[in-house]
C-alpha atoms as a PDB file:
ATOM      1  CA  UNK A   1    -173.833-122.812 212.360  1.00  0.00           C
ATOM      2  CA  UNK A   2    -176.878-120.621 212.880  1.00  0.00           C
ATOM      3  CA  UNK A   3    -177.850-119.303 216.321  1.00  0.00           C
ATOM      4  CA  UNK A   4    -181.213-117.577 216.713  1.00  0.00           C
ATOM      5  CA  UNK A   5    -181.985-115.931 220.023  1.00  0.00           C
ATOM      6  CA  UNK A   6    -185.063-114.036 221.051  1.00  0.00           C
ATOM      7  CA  UNK A   7    -186.498-111.364 223.274  1.00  0.00           C
ATOM      8  CA  UNK A   8    -183.930-108.616 223.340  1.00  0.00           C
ATOM      9  CA  UNK A   9    -186.125-105.621 222.683  1.00  0.00           C
ATOM     10  CA  UNK A  10    -185.393-102.113 221.484  1.00  0.00           C
ATOM     11  CA  UNK A  11    -184.956-100.815 225.042  1.00  0.00           C
ATOM     12  CA  UNK A  12    -182.096-103.265 225.697  1.00  0.00           C
ATOM     13  CA  UNK A  13    -180.566-102.586 222.284  1.00  0.00           C
ATOM     14  CA  UNK A  14    -180.214 -98.868 222.827  1.00  0.00           C
ATOM     15  CA  UNK A  15    -177.987 -99.623 225.860  1.00  0.00           C
ATOM     16  CA  UNK A  16    -175.552-101.807 223.856  1.00  0.00           C
ATOM     17  CA  UNK A  17    -173.006-100.125 221.648  1.00  0.00           C
ATOM     18  CA  UNK A  18    -172.152-101.947 218.458  1.00  0.00           C
ATOM     19  CA  UNK A  19    -175.545-103.634 218.069  1.00  0.00           C
ATOM     20  CA  UNK A  20    -178.146-102.571 215.536  1.00  0.00           C
ATOM     21  CA  UNK A  21    -181.600-101.382 216.504  1.00  0.00           C
ATOM     22  CA  UNK A  22    -184.680-103.583 216.590  1.00  0.00           C
ATOM     23  CA  UNK A  23    -186.697-101.398 214.174  1.00  0.00           C
ATOM     24  CA  UNK A  24    -187.688-104.228 211.797  1.00  0.00           C
ATOM     25  CA  UNK A  25    -188.082-106.903 214.507  1.00  0.00           C
ATOM     26  CA  UNK A  26    -184.795-108.718 213.942  1.00  0.00           C
ATOM     27  CA  UNK A  27    -181.078-108.103 213.538  1.00  0.00           C
ATOM     28  CA  UNK A  28    -178.223-110.128 212.135  1.00  0.00           C
ATOM     29  CA  UNK A  29    -175.699-109.426 214.874  1.00  0.00           C
ATOM     30  CA  UNK A  30    -172.654-111.370 213.728  1.00  0.00           C
ATOM     31  CA  UNK A  31    -171.671-113.051 210.476  1.00  0.00           C
ATOM     32  CA  UNK A  32    -168.408-114.951 210.752  1.00  0.00           C
ATOM     33  CA  UNK A  33    -166.821-117.888 208.976  1.00  0.00           C
ATOM     34  CA  UNK A  34    -168.368-120.328 211.458  1.00  0.00           C
ATOM     35  CA  UNK A  35    -171.917-118.948 211.139  1.00  0.00           C
ATOM     36  CA  UNK A  36    -174.440-116.270 212.103  1.00  0.00           C
ATOM     37  CA  UNK A  37    -176.005-114.883 215.275  1.00  0.00           C
ATOM     38  CA  UNK A  38    -179.525-113.507 214.767  1.00  0.00           C
ATOM     39  CA  UNK A  39    -181.808-111.832 217.313  1.00  0.00           C
ATOM     40  CA  UNK A  40    -185.571-111.811 216.740  1.00  0.00           C
ATOM     41  CA  UNK A  41    -188.163-109.796 218.703  1.00  0.00           C
ATOM     42  CA  UNK A  42    -191.855-110.522 218.147  1.00  0.00           C
ATOM     43  CA  UNK A  43    -193.516-107.619 220.022  1.00  0.00           C
ATOM     44  CA  UNK A  44    -194.363-104.719 217.688  1.00  0.00           C
ATOM     45  CA  UNK A  45    -194.780-101.175 219.039  1.00  0.00           C
ATOM     46  CA  UNK A  46    -192.978-102.084 222.264  1.00  0.00           C
ATOM     47  CA  UNK A  47    -193.824-101.880 225.175  1.00  0.00           C
ATOM     48  CA  UNK A  48    -197.419-103.082 225.173  1.00  0.00           C
ATOM     49  CA  UNK A  49    -198.101-102.810 228.893  1.00  0.00           C
ATOM     50  CA  UNK A  50    -195.958-100.334 230.767  1.00  0.00           C
ATOM     51  CA  UNK A  51    -196.647 -97.232 232.784  1.00  0.00           C
ATOM     52  CA  UNK A  52    -195.426 -94.999 229.960  1.00  0.00           C
ATOM     53  CA  UNK A  53    -196.746 -93.423 226.805  1.00  0.00           C
ATOM     54  CA  UNK A  54    -193.318 -93.719 225.154  1.00  0.00           C
ATOM     55  CA  UNK A  55    -193.237 -96.307 222.376  1.00  0.00           C
ATOM     56  CA  UNK A  56    -190.425 -97.564 220.152  1.00  0.00           C
ATOM     57  CA  UNK A  57    -192.705 -97.952 217.105  1.00  0.00           C
ATOM     58  CA  UNK A  58    -190.673-101.035 216.153  1.00  0.00           C
ATOM     59  CA  UNK A  59    -191.922-103.905 214.025  1.00  0.00           C
ATOM     60  CA  UNK A  60    -192.154-107.472 215.298  1.00  0.00           C
ATOM     61  CA  UNK A  61    -190.732-110.397 213.345  1.00  0.00           C
ATOM     62  CA  UNK A  62    -190.554-114.151 213.005  1.00  0.00           C
ATOM     63  CA  UNK A  63    -188.207-116.447 211.120  1.00  0.00           C
ATOM     64  CA  UNK A  64    -188.976-119.516 209.009  1.00  0.00           C
ATOM     65  CA  UNK A  65    -186.295-122.160 208.453  1.00  0.00           C
ATOM     66  CA  UNK A  66    -186.713-124.671 205.640  1.00  0.00           C
ATOM     67  CA  UNK A  67    -185.213-128.103 204.961  1.00  0.00           C
ATOM     68  CA  UNK A  68    -182.926-129.658 204.130  1.00  0.00           C
ATOM     69  CA  UNK A  69    -180.250-127.620 205.964  1.00  0.00           C
ATOM     70  CA  UNK A  70    -182.368-125.051 207.862  1.00  0.00           C
ATOM     71  CA  UNK A  71    -179.501-122.581 207.425  1.00  0.00           C
ATOM     72  CA  UNK A  72    -181.091-119.940 205.182  1.00  0.00           C
ATOM     73  CA  UNK A  73    -183.590-118.022 207.358  1.00  0.00           C
ATOM     74  CA  UNK A  74    -186.554-116.207 205.817  1.00  0.00           C
ATOM     75  CA  UNK A  75    -187.514-113.086 207.797  1.00  0.00           C
ATOM     76  CA  UNK A  76    -191.059-111.748 208.112  1.00  0.00           C
ATOM     77  CA  UNK A  77    -191.700-108.380 209.790  1.00  0.00           C
ATOM     78  CA  UNK A  78    -195.087-107.045 210.871  1.00  0.00           C
ATOM     79  CA  UNK A  79    -196.519-103.915 212.473  1.00  0.00           C
ATOM     80  CA  UNK A  80    -198.905-103.531 215.404  1.00  0.00           C
ATOM     81  CA  UNK A  81    -202.506-102.863 214.482  1.00  0.00           C
ATOM     82  CA  UNK A  82    -203.782 -99.330 215.006  1.00  0.00           C
ATOM     83  CA  UNK A  83    -205.630 -98.156 216.822  1.00  0.00           C
ATOM     84  CA  UNK A  84    -204.544-100.591 219.491  1.00  0.00           C
ATOM     85  CA  UNK A  85    -207.462-102.585 220.920  1.00  0.00           C
ATOM     86  CA  UNK A  86    -208.253-102.222 224.615  1.00  0.00           C
ATOM     87  CA  UNK A  87    -206.886-105.294 226.405  1.00  0.00           C
ATOM     88  CA  UNK A  88    -206.117-106.135 229.996  1.00  0.00           C
ATOM     89  CA  UNK A  89    -202.620-107.314 230.949  1.00  0.00           C
ATOM     90  CA  UNK A  90    -202.146-110.584 232.809  1.00  0.00           C
ATOM     91  CA  UNK A  91    -200.305-108.833 235.647  1.00  0.00           C
ATOM     92  CA  UNK A  92    -200.195-105.458 237.385  1.00  0.00           C
ATOM     93  CA  UNK A  93    -197.601-103.868 235.102  1.00  0.00           C
ATOM     94  CA  UNK A  94    -197.433-100.638 237.117  1.00  0.00           C
ATOM     95  CA  UNK A  95    -195.924-102.393 240.154  1.00  0.00           C
ATOM     96  CA  UNK A  96    -193.662-104.849 238.305  1.00  0.00           C
ATOM     97  CA  UNK A  97    -190.029-103.891 237.800  1.00  0.00           C
ATOM     98  CA  UNK A  98    -189.005-103.311 234.214  1.00  0.00           C
ATOM     99  CA  UNK A  99    -185.359-104.380 234.099  1.00  0.00           C
ATOM    100  CA  UNK A 100    -182.552-106.181 235.895  1.00  0.00           C
ATOM    101  CA  UNK A 101    -181.169-102.773 236.839  1.00  0.00           C
ATOM    102  CA  UNK A 102    -184.160-102.243 239.141  1.00  0.00           C
ATOM    103  CA  UNK A 103    -183.685-105.535 241.004  1.00  0.00           C
ATOM    104  CA  UNK A 104    -182.766-105.368 244.681  1.00  0.00           C
ATOM    105  CA  UNK A 105    -180.100-108.083 244.516  1.00  0.00           C
ATOM    106  CA  UNK A 106    -179.133-107.722 248.185  1.00  0.00           C
ATOM    107  CA  UNK A 107    -182.621-108.761 249.289  1.00  0.00           C
ATOM    108  CA  UNK A 108    -182.330-111.920 247.154  1.00  0.00           C
ATOM    109  CA  UNK A 109    -179.267-113.258 248.968  1.00  0.00           C
ATOM    110  CA  UNK A 110    -180.154-116.415 250.831  1.00  0.00           C
ATOM    111  CA  UNK A 111    -178.232-118.524 253.279  1.00  0.00           C
ATOM    112  CA  UNK A 112    -178.163-122.259 253.744  1.00  0.00           C
ATOM    113  CA  UNK A 113    -179.034-123.933 257.088  1.00  0.00           C
ATOM    114  CA  UNK A 114    -175.323-124.058 257.968  1.00  0.00           C
ATOM    115  CA  UNK A 115    -175.075-120.250 257.544  1.00  0.00           C
ATOM    116  CA  UNK A 116    -173.079-120.229 254.324  1.00  0.00           C
END
């Protein structure tokens, strides 16, 4: 079995002990008798749009699976272009929270019409 998951960037990785960094855009997290768990992250030089000058200088990556079994992934890493072109984000990144830790979970609690 092969499980490929995506979008766990270098900022999340540095908070998890026992997991490798996202320097080359992917990691092979577990290899066991029943298969592999791979994480791929496609955003090089993360974060692109944040209110910070700090960058991880990581590579992005993608994976190609080929028939007949699709069980032998081929990894391709790439770097961000430099200098970075001027682009506008699709949202106001300064006012958007950056992680689950910043969520105000209490304000998200809702009740049903019967009060439960």
